[in-house]
Amino acid sequence: MSEQAVPRPRKVQAKLDQETESALYEVRKKIYPRSVQGLFHYWRVALVWVTQIVFYGLPWLTWGDRPAVLFDLGTRKFYIFGLVFWPQDFILLAILLVIAALSLFLFTAVGGRLWCGYACPQTVYTEIYLWVEKWIEGDRQKRMKLDQSPWGPRKLAIKGAKQAAWIGIGLWTGFTFVGYFTPIRELWHEVITLSTGPWETFWVLFYGFATYGNAGYLREQVCKYMCPYARFQGVMFDPDTLIVTYDNERGEPRGARNKKADRKALGVGDCVDCGICVQVCPTGIDIRKGLQYECIGCGLCIDGCNQVMDKMGYPRGLIRYSTENVMEHRYTETSILAHVFRPRVLIYTGILATVVAAMLATIWLRSPIKMNVLRDRVSIAREAEDGRIENLYRLQLINTREEPVRLVLRASGVEGVEVRTEVPQPIEVGAAGSRTVTTSLLVDPAVAKPGSYKVTFELFPENQPDQAISEKSTFLVK
């Protein structure tokens, strides 16, 4: 009988099953990040302030008599400062998504998960909620002690104050989010008068609850298990990508020692095995074990380790931003930049710059007027009162400028074609508005044999034929 066929004792099998289940369903251990000061901490704080000033402040800015930034889904118009975008500008959204993807590829190839560590909303709001938690409950040791203590009036009051602050931040975040789709001053009046509509109410509560849950409780779980970027980031890394690294050759073997001890005599490296790099990590990993997908590249372990190195009198940089090639081949600092600007990065940069230039050119050159042409499907072709052949169309005329415009319409493609509109020309379209006009084309049957003809509608502002736009359609003769 083979070894694999030998049945295991029940106790051994039960233990193996229990270990397997624990590995598959590991209970989350709450992380208590330790506060740390340093360059990367200050960068994170700065970006929290910058991103949130932009997010919370933009809806309150005005541009003329309207919000400066408003995505008005009801009228299908997007206002961004002096620009008005319509559904016909969908190509710009596609280009914007391409730019976002290329930027992610470029920044990841150069510096790893910079987005995750500094600007991702999950990171930003987790940091804000941690600030509130530290302010109300105290530092790391006090928070751990409070959670382990039995419930009582003091603990209930502290936890209640924290929850109230968390909920308030979540609701204000949800309110601000909805303020990008409903004018925020109108929304504020509706909120204080308890007259918000069902959709506004739903999205304020939903987005507020999502912020509260993700930043207050899920925290690193979102980064480790829910965010797909953590899973496919590895394919965008290469040996020359700047990542948070531990200098294993310099730090090992690690071990505690007195500040005045001779590490060479003790046979130990620079790492004093204090564990601060683990304590300050928002995801609770040990960077000394090498690069892990849970690492968000925030650099807080660098700040913590540098503080310890300063106290010990050792050189900084035991944990630092570096690359696999630098650590393996011991490149000089000047050669790092040469490897950063490698062909892959230059290609990403060139493509990104081209796409950004194309988007800016599209916005700059886009016509302030637009036109959609739809044939009347009820009456395809008919004989008019004067004997001519008539085709009916419905034209949607769009004015993207925030001032009224008078438009002239003409057509070509068939000899002697005449344009007849239900309203006299020039046709007035309001500021940032649209107008549907029933239009007919008339052609003398003597110059048009039965069949289909290509016709072109041209539309231009009054006295400005050089700004004409055109749309093609067909003219049918029975």
Protein backbone atom coordinates (compact mmCIF):
# COMPACT_ATOMS: atom_id res chain seq x y z
CA MET A 1 0.00 0.00 0.00
CA SER A 2 1.34 3.42 -0.92
CA GLU A 3 2.03 6.09 1.68
CA GLN A 4 -0.81 8.26 0.35
CA ALA A 5 -3.29 5.46 0.89
CA VAL A 6 -2.52 5.07 4.60
CA PRO A 7 -5.51 6.43 6.54
CA ARG A 8 -4.69 9.20 9.05
CA PRO A 9 -5.79 9.03 12.69
CA ARG A 10 -8.96 10.99 13.41
CA LYS A 11 -7.24 13.54 15.69
CA VAL A 12 -4.54 14.23 13.10
CA GLN A 13 -7.09 14.59 10.32
CA ALA A 14 -9.25 16.91 12.45
CA LYS A 15 -6.23 19.12 13.20
CA LEU A 16 -5.33 19.30 9.51
CA ASP A 17 -8.91 20.19 8.61
CA GLN A 18 -8.92 22.91 11.29
CA GLU A 19 -5.64 24.39 9.99
CA THR A 20 -6.97 24.36 6.43
CA GLU A 21 -10.18 26.11 7.50
CA SER A 22 -8.18 28.73 9.45
CA ALA A 23 -6.05 29.42 6.40
CA LEU A 24 -9.11 29.83 4.19
CA TYR A 25 -11.16 31.84 6.66
CA GLU A 26 -8.62 33.81 8.65
CA VAL A 27 -10.23 36.05 11.23
CA ARG A 28 -9.27 39.66 10.73
CA LYS A 29 -7.04 41.15 13.41
CA LYS A 30 -7.66 44.84 13.93
CA ILE A 31 -4.69 47.00 13.00
CA TYR A 32 -3.71 49.90 15.22
CA PRO A 33 -1.34 52.03 13.09
CA ARG A 34 1.23 53.91 15.11
CA SER A 35 1.71 57.63 14.49
CA VAL A 36 4.97 58.59 12.83
CA GLN A 37 6.58 61.79 11.58
CA GLY A 38 8.66 62.14 8.46
CA LEU A 39 8.79 63.11 4.81
CA PHE A 40 6.30 60.56 3.54
CA HIS A 41 3.89 61.22 6.40
CA TYR A 42 3.90 64.92 5.51
CA TRP A 43 3.29 64.08 1.86
CA ARG A 44 0.26 62.00 2.83
CA VAL A 45 -1.10 64.77 5.04
CA ALA A 46 -0.60 67.34 2.29
CA LEU A 47 -2.41 65.21 -0.29
CA VAL A 48 -5.29 64.53 2.10
CA TRP A 49 -5.77 68.28 2.47
CA VAL A 50 -5.38 69.02 -1.24
CA THR A 51 -7.74 66.29 -2.46
CA GLN A 52 -10.41 67.09 0.10
CA ILE A 53 -10.27 70.85 -0.42
CA VAL A 54 -10.87 70.15 -4.11
CA PHE A 55 -13.60 67.56 -3.48
CA TYR A 56 -15.53 69.47 -0.82
CA GLY A 57 -14.93 72.90 -2.33
CA LEU A 58 -15.66 72.50 -6.05
CA PRO A 59 -19.46 72.16 -5.76
CA TRP A 60 -19.66 75.50 -3.94
CA LEU A 61 -17.81 77.47 -6.62
CA THR A 62 -19.98 79.43 -9.04
CA TRP A 63 -19.50 80.34 -12.68
CA GLY A 64 -21.83 83.16 -13.57
CA ASP A 65 -25.24 82.19 -12.26
CA ARG A 66 -24.60 78.45 -12.05
CA PRO A 67 -22.26 76.03 -10.22
CA ALA A 68 -18.79 75.91 -11.73
CA VAL A 69 -18.89 72.09 -11.81
CA LEU A 70 -22.25 70.37 -12.27
CA PHE A 71 -23.19 67.06 -13.89
CA ASP A 72 -26.84 67.73 -14.66
CA LEU A 73 -28.17 64.29 -15.58
CA GLY A 74 -31.74 65.56 -15.89
CA THR A 75 -30.92 67.87 -18.79
CA ARG A 76 -27.97 65.70 -19.93
CA LYS A 77 -25.54 68.58 -19.68
CA PHE A 78 -22.18 68.59 -17.89
CA TYR A 79 -20.83 71.97 -16.81
CA ILE A 80 -17.11 72.30 -16.07
CA PHE A 81 -16.28 75.95 -15.50
CA GLY A 82 -16.73 77.68 -18.89
CA LEU A 83 -17.35 74.47 -20.84
CA VAL A 84 -20.65 72.71 -21.46
CA PHE A 85 -20.58 69.07 -22.55
CA TRP A 86 -23.43 67.09 -24.09
CA PRO A 87 -23.95 63.36 -24.68
CA GLN A 88 -22.55 63.95 -28.18
CA ASP A 89 -19.20 64.67 -26.49
CA PHE A 90 -18.99 61.10 -25.19
CA ILE A 91 -15.75 60.62 -27.12
CA LEU A 92 -14.10 63.02 -24.65
CA LEU A 93 -15.08 60.75 -21.76
CA ALA A 94 -13.56 57.80 -23.58
CA ILE A 95 -10.33 59.75 -24.10
CA LEU A 96 -10.34 60.76 -20.42
CA LEU A 97 -10.58 57.11 -19.37
CA VAL A 98 -7.69 56.24 -21.69
CA ILE A 99 -5.64 59.04 -20.10
CA ALA A 100 -6.45 57.71 -16.61
CA ALA A 101 -5.39 54.18 -17.59
CA LEU A 102 -2.16 55.35 -19.24
CA SER A 103 -1.35 57.54 -16.23
CA LEU A 104 -1.83 54.55 -13.95
CA PHE A 105 0.49 52.45 -16.09
CA LEU A 106 3.12 55.19 -16.19
CA PHE A 107 3.10 56.03 -12.48
CA THR A 108 3.08 52.34 -11.53
CA ALA A 109 6.00 51.56 -13.84
CA VAL A 110 7.99 54.43 -12.33
CA GLY A 111 7.06 54.44 -8.65
CA GLY A 112 4.82 51.49 -7.85
CA ARG A 113 1.54 52.11 -6.04
CA LEU A 114 1.85 55.87 -5.65
CA TRP A 115 -1.88 56.28 -6.29
CA CYS A 116 -2.75 53.79 -3.56
CA GLY A 117 -0.42 55.28 -0.99
CA TYR A 118 -1.27 58.94 -1.40
CA ALA A 119 -4.38 59.81 -3.43
CA CYS A 120 -6.77 56.85 -3.54
CA PRO A 121 -10.09 57.79 -1.85
CA GLN A 122 -9.90 54.66 0.29
CA THR A 123 -6.47 55.71 1.56
CA VAL A 124 -7.50 59.34 2.05
CA TYR A 125 -10.69 58.65 3.99
CA THR A 126 -9.09 55.91 6.05
CA GLU A 127 -6.45 58.46 7.06
CA ILE A 128 -9.15 61.01 7.96
CA TYR A 129 -11.05 58.47 10.06
CA LEU A 130 -7.80 57.45 11.77
CA TRP A 131 -7.12 61.10 12.63
CA VAL A 132 -10.54 61.30 14.29
CA GLU A 133 -9.93 58.01 16.10
CA LYS A 134 -6.52 59.16 17.41
CA TRP A 135 -7.93 62.54 18.44
CA ILE A 136 -10.80 61.02 20.43
CA GLU A 137 -9.36 57.71 21.69
CA GLY A 138 -5.66 58.55 21.94
CA ASP A 139 -2.47 57.02 20.58
CA ARG A 140 -1.91 53.39 19.62
CA GLN A 141 -1.44 52.02 23.13
CA LYS A 142 -4.48 53.88 24.48
CA ARG A 143 -6.66 52.62 21.63
CA MET A 144 -5.57 49.04 22.19
CA LYS A 145 -6.13 49.33 25.92
CA LEU A 146 -9.55 50.91 25.40
CA ASP A 147 -10.70 48.11 23.09
CA GLN A 148 -9.56 45.47 25.59
CA SER A 149 -11.26 47.14 28.55
CA PRO A 150 -14.82 46.19 29.61
CA TRP A 151 -17.73 48.36 28.55
CA GLY A 152 -18.62 51.16 30.90
CA PRO A 153 -19.82 54.79 30.85
CA ARG A 154 -16.36 56.14 29.90
CA LYS A 155 -15.79 53.69 27.07
CA LEU A 156 -19.35 54.16 25.84
CA ALA A 157 -18.92 57.96 25.77
CA ILE A 158 -15.58 57.78 23.91
CA LYS A 159 -16.81 55.25 21.38
CA GLY A 160 -20.07 57.18 20.93
CA ALA A 161 -18.20 60.41 20.22
CA LYS A 162 -16.04 58.67 17.65
CA GLN A 163 -19.03 57.09 15.94
CA ALA A 164 -20.86 60.42 15.85
CA ALA A 165 -17.85 62.10 14.22
CA TRP A 166 -17.44 59.23 11.72
CA ILE A 167 -21.12 59.34 10.77
CA GLY A 168 -21.00 63.13 10.39
CA ILE A 169 -18.01 62.94 8.03
CA GLY A 170 -19.68 60.16 6.04
CA LEU A 171 -22.95 62.08 5.65
CA TRP A 172 -21.17 65.29 4.67
CA THR A 173 -19.17 63.33 2.11
CA GLY A 174 -22.37 61.83 0.70
CA PHE A 175 -24.00 65.27 0.63
CA THR A 176 -20.99 66.71 -1.25
CA PHE A 177 -21.03 63.84 -3.74
CA VAL A 178 -24.68 64.46 -4.58
CA GLY A 179 -23.82 68.18 -4.82
CA TYR A 180 -21.97 67.42 -8.04
CA PHE A 181 -25.26 66.30 -9.63
CA THR A 182 -27.74 68.65 -7.94
CA PRO A 183 -26.81 72.31 -7.38
CA ILE A 184 -25.39 72.12 -3.86
CA ARG A 185 -27.03 75.30 -2.57
CA GLU A 186 -30.42 74.02 -3.65
CA LEU A 187 -29.58 70.64 -2.12
CA TRP A 188 -28.58 72.29 1.16
CA HIS A 189 -31.90 74.13 1.32
CA GLU A 190 -33.71 70.84 0.67
CA VAL A 191 -31.72 69.09 3.39
CA ILE A 192 -32.38 71.68 6.10
CA THR A 193 -36.08 71.78 5.15
CA LEU A 194 -36.26 67.97 4.94
CA SER A 195 -37.58 68.14 1.38
CA THR A 196 -34.95 66.20 -0.56
CA GLY A 197 -36.17 63.92 -3.31
CA PRO A 198 -35.96 60.12 -3.04
CA TRP A 199 -32.89 59.82 -5.26
CA GLU A 200 -30.95 62.57 -3.49
CA THR A 201 -31.80 61.00 -0.13
CA PHE A 202 -30.77 57.54 -1.30
CA TRP A 203 -27.40 58.63 -2.69
CA VAL A 204 -26.50 60.83 0.28
CA LEU A 205 -27.17 57.94 2.65
CA PHE A 206 -25.63 55.29 0.38
CA TYR A 207 -22.40 57.19 -0.31
CA GLY A 208 -22.20 58.30 3.31
CA PHE A 209 -22.64 54.73 4.56
CA ALA A 210 -20.04 53.46 2.05
CA THR A 211 -17.53 56.04 3.28
CA TYR A 212 -18.30 55.21 6.92
CA GLY A 213 -18.01 51.45 6.40
CA ASN A 214 -14.96 51.42 4.14
CA ALA A 215 -12.89 54.00 6.02
CA GLY A 216 -14.06 53.18 9.53
CA TYR A 217 -14.12 49.38 9.51
CA LEU A 218 -12.97 47.69 6.31
CA ARG A 219 -9.89 49.87 5.86
CA GLU A 220 -6.99 47.68 4.71
CA GLN A 221 -9.42 44.88 3.80
CA VAL A 222 -10.55 46.95 0.80
CA CYS A 223 -6.94 47.23 -0.38
CA LYS A 224 -6.10 43.59 0.28
CA TYR A 225 -9.21 41.79 -0.91
CA MET A 226 -11.63 44.09 -2.74
CA CYS A 227 -9.42 46.32 -4.91
CA PRO A 228 -8.41 44.61 -8.19
CA TYR A 229 -5.37 46.88 -8.58
CA ALA A 230 -3.61 45.06 -5.75
CA ARG A 231 -3.94 41.83 -7.71
CA PHE A 232 -2.69 42.88 -11.13
CA GLN A 233 -0.14 45.49 -10.06
CA GLY A 234 2.65 42.94 -10.37
CA VAL A 235 2.34 42.76 -14.15
CA MET A 236 3.11 46.50 -14.35
CA PHE A 237 6.23 46.25 -12.19
CA ASP A 238 9.69 45.47 -13.49
CA PRO A 239 13.11 45.24 -11.80
CA ASP A 240 13.60 49.00 -12.30
CA THR A 241 10.34 50.08 -10.66
CA LEU A 242 10.82 52.18 -7.52
CA ILE A 243 9.24 50.32 -4.60
CA VAL A 244 9.53 50.34 -0.81
CA THR A 245 12.37 47.91 -0.09
CA TYR A 246 14.25 46.59 2.91
CA ASP A 247 18.02 46.36 2.52
CA ASN A 248 18.38 42.74 3.56
CA GLU A 249 22.18 42.70 3.13
CA ARG A 250 22.61 45.67 5.43
CA GLY A 251 19.95 44.81 7.99
CA GLU A 252 20.51 41.09 8.59
CA PRO A 253 20.99 39.36 10.87
CA ARG A 254 18.67 41.54 12.89
CA GLY A 255 18.67 41.75 16.65
CA ALA A 256 18.12 44.03 19.62
CA ARG A 257 21.14 45.76 21.10
CA ASN A 258 22.24 48.73 23.15
CA LYS A 259 22.86 51.97 21.32
CA LYS A 260 26.53 51.88 22.28
CA ALA A 261 27.00 48.21 21.41
CA ASP A 262 29.44 47.22 18.67
CA ARG A 263 27.24 45.54 16.07
CA LYS A 264 30.25 43.99 14.33
CA ALA A 265 31.32 42.33 17.55
CA LEU A 266 27.76 41.12 18.10
CA GLY A 267 27.56 39.88 14.54
CA VAL A 268 24.29 41.69 13.77
CA GLY A 269 23.13 44.03 11.03
CA ASP A 270 21.59 47.48 11.30
CA CYS A 271 18.03 46.25 11.96
CA VAL A 272 17.37 46.35 15.72
CA ASP A 273 14.16 44.32 15.27
CA CYS A 274 12.07 47.01 16.97
CA GLY A 275 8.99 46.30 14.83
CA ILE A 276 8.18 49.96 14.23
CA CYS A 277 8.00 49.35 10.48
CA VAL A 278 5.16 46.90 11.16
CA GLN A 279 3.44 49.10 13.75
CA VAL A 280 3.17 52.13 11.44
CA CYS A 281 2.02 50.15 8.38
CA PRO A 282 -1.66 50.82 7.48
CA THR A 283 -2.02 47.26 6.16
CA GLY A 284 -0.05 45.59 8.96
CA ILE A 285 2.62 43.90 6.84
CA ASP A 286 6.30 43.35 7.58
CA ILE A 287 8.23 44.94 4.72
CA ARG A 288 11.31 42.99 5.82
CA LYS A 289 9.72 39.90 4.27
CA GLY A 290 10.02 41.48 0.82
CA LEU A 291 7.55 43.07 -1.56
CA GLN A 292 3.97 41.98 -0.88
CA TYR A 293 0.78 42.76 -2.74
CA GLU A 294 -0.67 44.30 0.44
CA CYS A 295 1.96 47.06 0.37
CA ILE A 296 0.35 50.32 -0.80
CA GLY A 297 3.67 52.16 -1.14
CA CYS A 298 2.86 54.84 1.44
CA GLY A 299 6.44 54.97 2.78
CA LEU A 300 5.45 55.25 6.46
CA CYS A 301 7.76 52.34 7.29
CA ILE A 302 10.61 54.43 5.82
CA ASP A 303 9.78 57.31 8.17
CA GLY A 304 9.58 54.97 11.17
CA CYS A 305 12.82 53.18 10.37
CA ASN A 306 14.67 56.44 9.71
CA GLN A 307 13.68 57.69 13.18
CA VAL A 308 15.15 54.56 14.74
CA MET A 309 18.32 54.82 12.66
CA ASP A 310 18.72 58.42 13.82
CA LYS A 311 18.42 57.38 17.46
CA MET A 312 20.92 54.57 16.98
CA GLY A 313 23.36 56.76 15.09
CA TYR A 314 23.15 54.56 11.97
CA PRO A 315 22.80 55.86 8.38
CA ARG A 316 19.25 56.29 7.11
CA GLY A 317 17.88 54.19 4.28
CA LEU A 318 17.66 50.70 5.76
CA ILE A 319 14.13 50.82 4.37
CA ARG A 320 13.87 53.11 1.36
CA TYR A 321 12.42 53.62 -2.09
CA SER A 322 14.64 51.65 -4.42
CA THR A 323 14.49 49.02 -7.18
CA GLU A 324 15.25 45.34 -7.40
CA ASN A 325 18.16 45.99 -9.74
CA VAL A 326 19.64 48.63 -7.43
CA MET A 327 19.45 46.29 -4.44
CA GLU A 328 20.89 43.36 -6.38
CA HIS A 329 23.61 45.11 -8.36
CA ARG A 330 24.32 47.94 -5.91
CA TYR A 331 23.94 50.73 -8.43
CA THR A 332 24.97 54.24 -7.43
CA GLU A 333 22.29 56.83 -6.70
CA THR A 334 22.98 58.65 -9.98
CA SER A 335 22.43 55.50 -12.00
CA ILE A 336 18.98 55.03 -10.50
CA LEU A 337 17.59 57.90 -12.58
CA ALA A 338 19.12 56.42 -15.71
CA HIS A 339 17.18 53.22 -15.07
CA VAL A 340 13.98 55.10 -14.20
CA PHE A 341 13.86 56.77 -17.64
CA ARG A 342 13.97 53.48 -19.52
CA PRO A 343 12.28 52.67 -22.88
CA ARG A 344 9.09 51.41 -21.25
CA VAL A 345 8.62 54.63 -19.30
CA LEU A 346 9.47 56.80 -22.29
CA ILE A 347 6.93 54.95 -24.45
CA TYR A 348 4.20 55.36 -21.83
CA THR A 349 5.08 59.05 -21.50
CA GLY A 350 5.01 59.60 -25.27
CA ILE A 351 1.65 57.88 -25.71
CA LEU A 352 0.16 59.72 -22.72
CA ALA A 353 1.39 63.08 -23.97
CA THR A 354 -0.06 62.37 -27.41
CA VAL A 355 -3.48 61.40 -26.04
CA VAL A 356 -3.57 64.44 -23.72
CA ALA A 357 -2.65 66.72 -26.62
CA ALA A 358 -5.35 65.12 -28.76
CA MET A 359 -7.96 65.67 -26.04
CA LEU A 360 -6.98 69.31 -25.52
CA ALA A 361 -7.04 69.89 -29.28
CA THR A 362 -10.48 68.26 -29.53
CA ILE A 363 -11.84 70.54 -26.80
CA TRP A 364 -10.20 73.63 -28.31
CA LEU A 365 -11.37 72.95 -31.87
CA ARG A 366 -14.83 71.59 -31.14
CA SER A 367 -17.65 73.55 -32.67
CA PRO A 368 -19.91 75.49 -30.29
CA ILE A 369 -22.95 74.20 -32.19
CA LYS A 370 -24.05 70.63 -32.89
CA MET A 371 -26.74 69.05 -35.01
CA ASN A 372 -28.44 65.65 -35.09
CA VAL A 373 -30.53 64.69 -38.14
CA LEU A 374 -33.33 62.09 -37.97
CA ARG A 375 -35.54 61.15 -40.87
CA ASP A 376 -39.30 61.16 -40.38
CA ARG A 377 -40.11 57.47 -40.57
CA VAL A 378 -43.86 57.98 -40.89
CA SER A 379 -43.73 59.94 -44.11
CA ILE A 380 -40.59 58.90 -45.98
CA ALA A 381 -41.30 60.73 -49.22
CA ARG A 382 -44.41 62.51 -50.41
CA GLU A 383 -45.66 64.96 -53.02
CA ALA A 384 -46.00 68.54 -51.79
CA GLU A 385 -48.83 70.90 -52.77
CA ASP A 386 -46.72 72.46 -55.52
CA GLY A 387 -45.89 69.06 -57.04
CA ARG A 388 -42.36 68.80 -55.72
CA ILE A 389 -41.00 65.76 -53.85
CA GLU A 390 -40.79 66.37 -50.10
CA ASN A 391 -38.84 64.51 -47.42
CA LEU A 392 -39.33 65.30 -43.71
CA TYR A 393 -36.61 65.39 -41.04
CA ARG A 394 -36.32 66.20 -37.37
CA LEU A 395 -33.23 68.25 -36.55
CA GLN A 396 -31.92 68.67 -33.03
CA LEU A 397 -29.89 71.86 -32.85
CA ILE A 398 -27.55 72.24 -29.86
CA ASN A 399 -25.84 75.38 -28.61
CA THR A 400 -22.93 74.64 -26.24
CA ARG A 401 -22.17 78.29 -25.56
CA GLU A 402 -23.72 80.02 -22.58
CA GLU A 403 -25.25 82.76 -24.68
CA PRO A 404 -28.09 82.58 -27.24
CA VAL A 405 -27.21 82.00 -30.88
CA ARG A 406 -29.09 82.51 -34.17
CA LEU A 407 -28.52 79.69 -36.64
CA VAL A 408 -28.92 79.39 -40.40
CA LEU A 409 -29.69 76.06 -42.07
CA ARG A 410 -29.04 75.05 -45.64
CA ALA A 411 -28.74 71.82 -47.63
CA SER A 412 -26.95 70.50 -50.69
CA GLY A 413 -26.55 67.27 -52.64
CA VAL A 414 -29.50 67.44 -55.02
CA GLU A 415 -29.90 70.09 -57.71
CA GLY A 416 -32.33 72.83 -56.70
CA VAL A 417 -32.99 71.43 -53.21
CA GLU A 418 -34.89 73.84 -50.96
CA VAL A 419 -34.91 73.88 -47.15
CA ARG A 420 -38.17 74.66 -45.40
CA THR A 421 -38.34 74.87 -41.60
CA GLU A 422 -41.34 75.11 -39.27
CA VAL A 423 -39.88 78.29 -37.76
CA PRO A 424 -38.42 81.19 -39.70
CA GLN A 425 -34.69 81.40 -40.18
CA PRO A 426 -32.36 82.30 -38.57
CA ILE A 427 -33.38 79.87 -35.82
CA GLU A 428 -32.68 81.03 -32.28
CA VAL A 429 -31.34 78.52 -29.74
CA GLY A 430 -31.00 79.54 -26.08
CA ALA A 431 -27.83 79.60 -24.01
CA ALA A 432 -26.50 76.09 -23.40
CA GLY A 433 -29.75 74.82 -24.84
CA SER A 434 -31.16 72.68 -27.60
CA ARG A 435 -34.10 72.91 -29.97
CA THR A 436 -35.82 70.37 -32.17
CA VAL A 437 -36.97 71.71 -35.52
CA THR A 438 -39.10 69.88 -38.08
CA THR A 439 -37.52 70.45 -41.46
CA SER A 440 -38.43 69.43 -45.00
CA LEU A 441 -36.37 69.24 -48.18
CA LEU A 442 -38.14 69.85 -51.48
CA VAL A 443 -36.86 68.82 -54.91
CA ASP A 444 -38.34 69.26 -58.39
CA PRO A 445 -39.21 65.77 -59.76
CA ALA A 446 -37.92 66.81 -63.13
CA VAL A 447 -34.32 66.87 -61.84
CA ALA A 448 -34.45 63.80 -59.60
CA LYS A 449 -35.12 60.28 -60.82
CA PRO A 450 -36.53 57.66 -58.42
CA GLY A 451 -33.91 56.45 -55.98
CA SER A 452 -31.83 57.53 -53.00
CA TYR A 453 -29.63 60.64 -52.94
CA LYS A 454 -27.00 61.77 -50.46
CA VAL A 455 -27.76 65.17 -49.00
CA THR A 456 -25.79 67.33 -46.59
CA PHE A 457 -27.30 69.64 -43.99
CA GLU A 458 -25.15 72.62 -43.06
CA LEU A 459 -25.66 74.73 -39.93
CA PHE A 460 -23.80 77.89 -38.97
CA PRO A 461 -24.25 80.98 -36.78
CA GLU A 462 -25.79 83.95 -38.52
CA ASN A 463 -23.19 85.87 -40.56
CA GLN A 464 -20.52 83.24 -39.73
CA PRO A 465 -20.64 80.66 -42.56
CA ASP A 466 -16.98 79.80 -41.89
CA GLN A 467 -18.08 78.08 -38.65
CA ALA A 468 -20.51 75.75 -40.44
CA ILE A 469 -20.94 72.14 -39.34
CA SER A 470 -22.48 69.46 -41.51
CA GLU A 471 -24.42 66.23 -41.14
CA LYS A 472 -25.22 63.76 -43.91
CA SER A 473 -28.56 62.10 -44.61
CA THR A 474 -30.52 60.70 -47.55
CA PHE A 475 -33.26 62.04 -49.80
CA LEU A 476 -35.68 59.50 -51.29
CA VAL A 477 -37.57 59.86 -54.55
CA LYS A 478 -40.28 57.33 -55.31
